[in-house]
Amino acid sequence: MTIVQITLPDALAQEVASAGLLAPEKIEHILREQLCAERIERLKAARATLTAEPLAPMTPEEISAEIEAYRSEQRRAAGS
């Protein structure tokens, strides 16, 4: 478990404390929601980029080469 210390203006600290927003479980919930929202925004941006500049389709030979490269890497990692 990590301890995080933040500095807030007094008025804001009093307001969020009164609202119960400084409880560890509430802060965790808020942070997880924000992380989720940011991931969604990154996915939307990636989708927009791919829509604007789609990747060229791979040929069957390119797909086979990628599969073989992956399998070779897996064998190397396993020590085979």
C-alpha atoms as a PDB file:
ATOM      1  CA  MET A   1       0.000   0.000   0.000  1.00  0.00           C
ATOM      2  CA  THR A   2       1.332   3.432  -0.932  1.00  0.00           C
ATOM      3  CA  ILE A   3       0.721   6.556   1.106  1.00  0.00           C
ATOM      4  CA  VAL A   4       0.125   9.716  -0.925  1.00  0.00           C
ATOM      5  CA  GLN A   5       0.187  13.218   0.518  1.00  0.00           C
ATOM      6  CA  ILE A   6      -1.436  16.098  -1.342  1.00  0.00           C
ATOM      7  CA  THR A   7      -1.593  19.820  -0.712  1.00  0.00           C
ATOM      8  CA  LEU A   8      -4.934  21.565  -1.219  1.00  0.00           C
ATOM      9  CA  PRO A   9      -6.145  25.079  -0.590  1.00  0.00           C
ATOM     10  CA  ASP A  10      -7.796  25.220   2.844  1.00  0.00           C
ATOM     11  CA  ALA A  11     -11.255  26.044   1.513  1.00  0.00           C
ATOM     12  CA  LEU A  12     -11.177  23.167  -0.951  1.00  0.00           C
ATOM     13  CA  ALA A  13      -9.849  20.742   1.677  1.00  0.00           C
ATOM     14  CA  GLN A  14     -12.687  21.682   4.038  1.00  0.00           C
ATOM     15  CA  GLU A  15     -15.288  21.347   1.304  1.00  0.00           C
ATOM     16  CA  VAL A  16     -14.134  17.940   0.103  1.00  0.00           C
ATOM     17  CA  ALA A  17     -13.733  16.706   3.670  1.00  0.00           C
ATOM     18  CA  SER A  18     -17.301  17.804   4.456  1.00  0.00           C
ATOM     19  CA  ALA A  19     -18.493  15.962   1.347  1.00  0.00           C
ATOM     20  CA  GLY A  20     -16.687  12.800   2.464  1.00  0.00           C
ATOM     21  CA  LEU A  21     -14.401  12.847  -0.555  1.00  0.00           C
ATOM     22  CA  LEU A  22     -11.187  12.423   1.433  1.00  0.00           C
ATOM     23  CA  ALA A  23     -12.055   8.918   2.599  1.00  0.00           C
ATOM     24  CA  PRO A  24      -9.479   6.479   1.160  1.00  0.00           C
ATOM     25  CA  GLU A  25     -12.136   4.329  -0.535  1.00  0.00           C
ATOM     26  CA  LYS A  26     -13.729   7.416  -2.111  1.00  0.00           C
ATOM     27  CA  ILE A  27     -10.387   8.707  -3.390  1.00  0.00           C
ATOM     28  CA  GLU A  28      -9.629   5.246  -4.801  1.00  0.00           C
ATOM     29  CA  HIS A  29     -12.999   5.211  -6.570  1.00  0.00           C
ATOM     30  CA  ILE A  30     -12.458   8.699  -8.024  1.00  0.00           C
ATOM     31  CA  LEU A  31      -8.967   7.812  -9.254  1.00  0.00           C
ATOM     32  CA  ARG A  32     -10.114   4.536 -10.832  1.00  0.00           C
ATOM     33  CA  GLU A  33     -12.949   6.353 -12.625  1.00  0.00           C
ATOM     34  CA  GLN A  34     -10.484   8.936 -13.945  1.00  0.00           C
ATOM     35  CA  LEU A  35      -8.088   6.238 -15.164  1.00  0.00           C
ATOM     36  CA  CYS A  36     -10.951   4.533 -16.977  1.00  0.00           C
ATOM     37  CA  ALA A  37     -12.057   7.796 -18.577  1.00  0.00           C
ATOM     38  CA  GLU A  38      -8.507   8.525 -19.754  1.00  0.00           C
ATOM     39  CA  ARG A  39      -8.138   5.020 -21.232  1.00  0.00           C
ATOM     40  CA  ILE A  40     -11.390   5.500 -23.127  1.00  0.00           C
ATOM     41  CA  GLU A  41     -10.153   8.844 -24.482  1.00  0.00           C
ATOM     42  CA  ARG A  42      -6.895   7.246 -25.656  1.00  0.00           C
ATOM     43  CA  LEU A  43      -8.860   4.470 -27.375  1.00  0.00           C
ATOM     44  CA  LYS A  44     -11.092   7.044 -29.069  1.00  0.00           C
ATOM     45  CA  ALA A  45      -8.021   8.935 -30.277  1.00  0.00           C
ATOM     46  CA  ALA A  46      -6.446   5.737 -31.603  1.00  0.00           C
ATOM     47  CA  ARG A  47      -9.691   4.827 -33.346  1.00  0.00           C
ATOM     48  CA  ALA A  48      -9.882   8.265 -34.944  1.00  0.00           C
ATOM     49  CA  THR A  49      -6.282   7.946 -36.133  1.00  0.00           C
ATOM     50  CA  LEU A  50      -6.924   4.503 -37.618  1.00  0.00           C
ATOM     51  CA  THR A  51     -10.090   5.743 -39.294  1.00  0.00           C
ATOM     52  CA  ALA A  52      -8.232   8.676 -40.836  1.00  0.00           C
ATOM     53  CA  GLU A  53      -5.155   6.621 -41.751  1.00  0.00           C
ATOM     54  CA  PRO A  54      -6.128   2.936 -41.983  1.00  0.00           C
ATOM     55  CA  LEU A  55      -3.390   0.324 -41.903  1.00  0.00           C
ATOM     56  CA  ALA A  56      -2.684  -1.482 -45.131  1.00  0.00           C
ATOM     57  CA  PRO A  57      -4.005  -5.051 -45.093  1.00  0.00           C
ATOM     58  CA  MET A  58      -1.384  -7.742 -44.587  1.00  0.00           C
ATOM     59  CA  THR A  59      -0.739 -10.363 -47.219  1.00  0.00           C
ATOM     60  CA  PRO A  60      -1.005 -14.049 -46.261  1.00  0.00           C
ATOM     61  CA  GLU A  61       2.790 -14.232 -46.496  1.00  0.00           C
ATOM     62  CA  GLU A  62       3.210 -11.332 -44.066  1.00  0.00           C
ATOM     63  CA  ILE A  63       0.775 -12.958 -41.644  1.00  0.00           C
ATOM     64  CA  SER A  64       2.669 -16.264 -41.838  1.00  0.00           C
ATOM     65  CA  ALA A  65       5.968 -14.460 -41.242  1.00  0.00           C
ATOM     66  CA  GLU A  66       4.555 -12.691 -38.179  1.00  0.00           C
ATOM     67  CA  ILE A  67       3.216 -15.978 -36.782  1.00  0.00           C
ATOM     68  CA  GLU A  68       6.550 -17.694 -37.324  1.00  0.00           C
ATOM     69  CA  ALA A  69       8.437 -14.806 -35.694  1.00  0.00           C
ATOM     70  CA  TYR A  70       6.120 -14.975 -32.672  1.00  0.00           C
ATOM     71  CA  ARG A  71       6.517 -18.739 -32.370  1.00  0.00           C
ATOM     72  CA  SER A  72      10.306 -18.476 -32.642  1.00  0.00           C
ATOM     73  CA  GLU A  73      10.346 -15.851 -29.889  1.00  0.00           C
ATOM     74  CA  GLN A  74       8.173 -18.062 -27.687  1.00  0.00           C
ATOM     75  CA  ARG A  75      10.508 -21.035 -28.235  1.00  0.00           C
ATOM     76  CA  ARG A  76      13.537 -18.867 -27.418  1.00  0.00           C
ATOM     77  CA  ALA A  77      11.873 -17.562 -24.252  1.00  0.00           C
ATOM     78  CA  ALA A  78      10.996 -21.110 -23.185  1.00  0.00           C
ATOM     79  CA  GLY A  79      14.581 -22.237 -23.755  1.00  0.00           C
ATOM     80  CA  SER A  80      13.713 -24.699 -26.511  1.00  0.00           C
END
